[in-house]
Amino acid sequence: MSAVNIVMLITLVGLLVWRLRPVKGVRNITTTELKNELGNKDKQYIDVRTPGEFKSKSIKTFKNIPLDQLSTKASSLSMEKEVVIICQSGMRSTKAAKMLKSLGFTKITNVKGGMSAWR
């Protein structure tokens, strides 16, 4: 393997690790922990999957705001209440958490494993 290939591989792995790292200041919970928190009126529950994914399987308490619409619809969310975010596997909800953090939200919770872990 050439030095260029090794550098490219290391860079690719580094970028992947960087993208998957937890967002600083965002709480991460399991779906088991989520079950204990559902119904809390002081929290906003957001599912960032596509409308089709949401329609096929969703949690009653969650509102669907697809990730690609979140930045424009974030103004409909209260910055005073905690935002609990879920997606299919945890990748899009991590992106959503980063986005909300950059928009000034401070109370953000990401559901690890997403709907894939929901039973």
Protein backbone atom coordinates (compact mmCIF):
# COMPACT_ATOMS: atom_id res chain seq x y z
CA MET A 1 0.00 0.00 0.00
CA SER A 2 1.45 3.37 -0.97
CA ALA A 3 1.90 6.28 1.42
CA VAL A 4 -0.83 8.23 -0.40
CA ASN A 5 -3.32 5.39 0.13
CA ILE A 6 -2.41 5.15 3.81
CA VAL A 7 -2.88 8.90 4.31
CA MET A 8 -6.24 8.77 2.49
CA LEU A 9 -7.38 5.83 4.63
CA ILE A 10 -6.35 7.57 7.87
CA THR A 11 -8.14 10.75 6.75
CA LEU A 12 -11.30 8.83 5.88
CA VAL A 13 -11.33 7.01 9.23
CA GLY A 14 -10.70 10.29 11.04
CA LEU A 15 -13.61 12.00 9.29
CA LEU A 16 -15.92 9.09 10.09
CA VAL A 17 -14.95 9.13 13.77
CA TRP A 18 -15.38 12.92 13.88
CA ARG A 19 -18.88 12.72 12.38
CA LEU A 20 -20.00 9.99 14.78
CA ARG A 21 -18.70 11.57 17.97
CA PRO A 22 -21.32 12.75 20.48
CA VAL A 23 -22.32 16.40 20.33
CA LYS A 24 -20.93 18.33 23.29
CA GLY A 25 -23.73 19.53 25.57
CA VAL A 26 -26.29 17.07 24.19
CA ARG A 27 -27.70 14.39 26.47
CA ASN A 28 -27.88 10.88 24.99
CA ILE A 29 -30.46 8.36 26.19
CA THR A 30 -31.48 4.84 25.26
CA THR A 31 -34.95 3.88 24.06
CA THR A 32 -35.53 2.27 27.47
CA GLU A 33 -34.81 5.61 29.15
CA LEU A 34 -37.05 7.33 26.58
CA LYS A 35 -40.00 5.15 27.64
CA ASN A 36 -39.70 6.61 31.16
CA GLU A 37 -39.73 10.18 29.80
CA LEU A 38 -42.56 9.97 27.25
CA GLY A 39 -45.53 12.13 28.07
CA ASN A 40 -43.52 14.78 29.92
CA LYS A 41 -45.27 18.02 28.91
CA ASP A 42 -42.07 20.01 29.52
CA LYS A 43 -40.37 18.29 26.57
CA GLN A 44 -40.77 18.49 22.79
CA TYR A 45 -40.46 15.19 20.94
CA ILE A 46 -39.18 15.47 17.35
CA ASP A 47 -38.73 12.67 14.80
CA VAL A 48 -36.38 13.82 12.02
CA ARG A 49 -37.04 10.92 9.62
CA THR A 50 -38.82 11.34 6.30
CA PRO A 51 -42.64 11.53 6.30
CA GLY A 52 -42.79 8.05 4.75
CA GLU A 53 -40.63 6.54 7.49
CA PHE A 54 -42.64 8.36 10.14
CA LYS A 55 -45.95 7.15 8.69
CA SER A 56 -44.85 3.51 8.58
CA LYS A 57 -43.72 3.41 12.24
CA SER A 58 -43.66 6.17 14.82
CA ILE A 59 -44.05 6.93 18.50
CA LYS A 60 -47.33 8.67 19.31
CA THR A 61 -45.75 11.52 21.31
CA PHE A 62 -43.34 12.54 18.51
CA LYS A 63 -43.93 15.22 15.89
CA ASN A 64 -42.38 14.70 12.46
CA ILE A 65 -39.99 17.43 11.28
CA PRO A 66 -37.71 15.89 8.64
CA LEU A 67 -34.03 16.73 9.03
CA ASP A 68 -33.94 18.67 5.75
CA GLN A 69 -36.71 20.96 7.07
CA LEU A 70 -35.49 21.34 10.64
CA SER A 71 -33.49 24.54 10.17
CA THR A 72 -36.51 26.36 8.72
CA LYS A 73 -39.02 24.89 11.18
CA ALA A 74 -36.87 25.22 14.32
CA SER A 75 -38.56 28.56 15.05
CA SER A 76 -41.76 26.60 15.80
CA LEU A 77 -39.97 24.93 18.73
CA SER A 78 -39.61 26.46 22.18
CA MET A 79 -36.04 27.19 23.18
CA GLU A 80 -37.16 26.97 26.83
CA LYS A 81 -38.26 23.33 26.63
CA GLU A 82 -36.02 20.32 26.15
CA VAL A 83 -36.03 18.88 22.62
CA VAL A 84 -35.88 15.07 22.40
CA ILE A 85 -34.78 13.93 18.93
CA ILE A 86 -35.12 10.51 17.30
CA CYS A 87 -34.46 9.12 13.81
CA GLN A 88 -34.02 5.62 12.40
CA SER A 89 -30.56 4.75 13.75
CA GLY A 90 -29.15 7.82 15.50
CA MET A 91 -27.19 9.40 12.62
CA ARG A 92 -29.77 12.01 11.55
CA SER A 93 -30.73 12.81 15.14
CA THR A 94 -27.07 13.51 15.90
CA LYS A 95 -26.98 15.90 12.92
CA ALA A 96 -30.24 17.46 14.14
CA ALA A 97 -28.75 17.94 17.62
CA LYS A 98 -25.73 19.72 16.12
CA MET A 99 -28.03 21.91 14.06
CA LEU A 100 -30.24 22.86 17.02
CA LYS A 101 -27.16 23.54 19.13
CA SER A 102 -25.86 25.94 16.46
CA LEU A 103 -29.27 27.66 16.45
CA GLY A 104 -29.00 28.35 20.20
CA PHE A 105 -30.97 25.49 21.72
CA THR A 106 -29.41 24.33 24.99
CA LYS A 107 -31.71 21.53 26.19
CA ILE A 108 -31.26 18.77 23.62
CA THR A 109 -31.55 15.00 24.04
CA ASN A 110 -30.64 12.45 21.37
CA VAL A 111 -32.16 8.95 21.42
CA LYS A 112 -29.32 6.48 20.75
CA GLY A 113 -30.17 3.73 18.30
CA GLY A 114 -33.32 5.51 17.15
CA MET A 115 -36.38 3.64 15.93
CA SER A 116 -34.21 0.63 15.10
CA ALA A 117 -33.76 0.15 18.87
CA TRP A 118 -37.41 0.90 19.74
CA ARG A 119 -39.49 -2.12 20.78
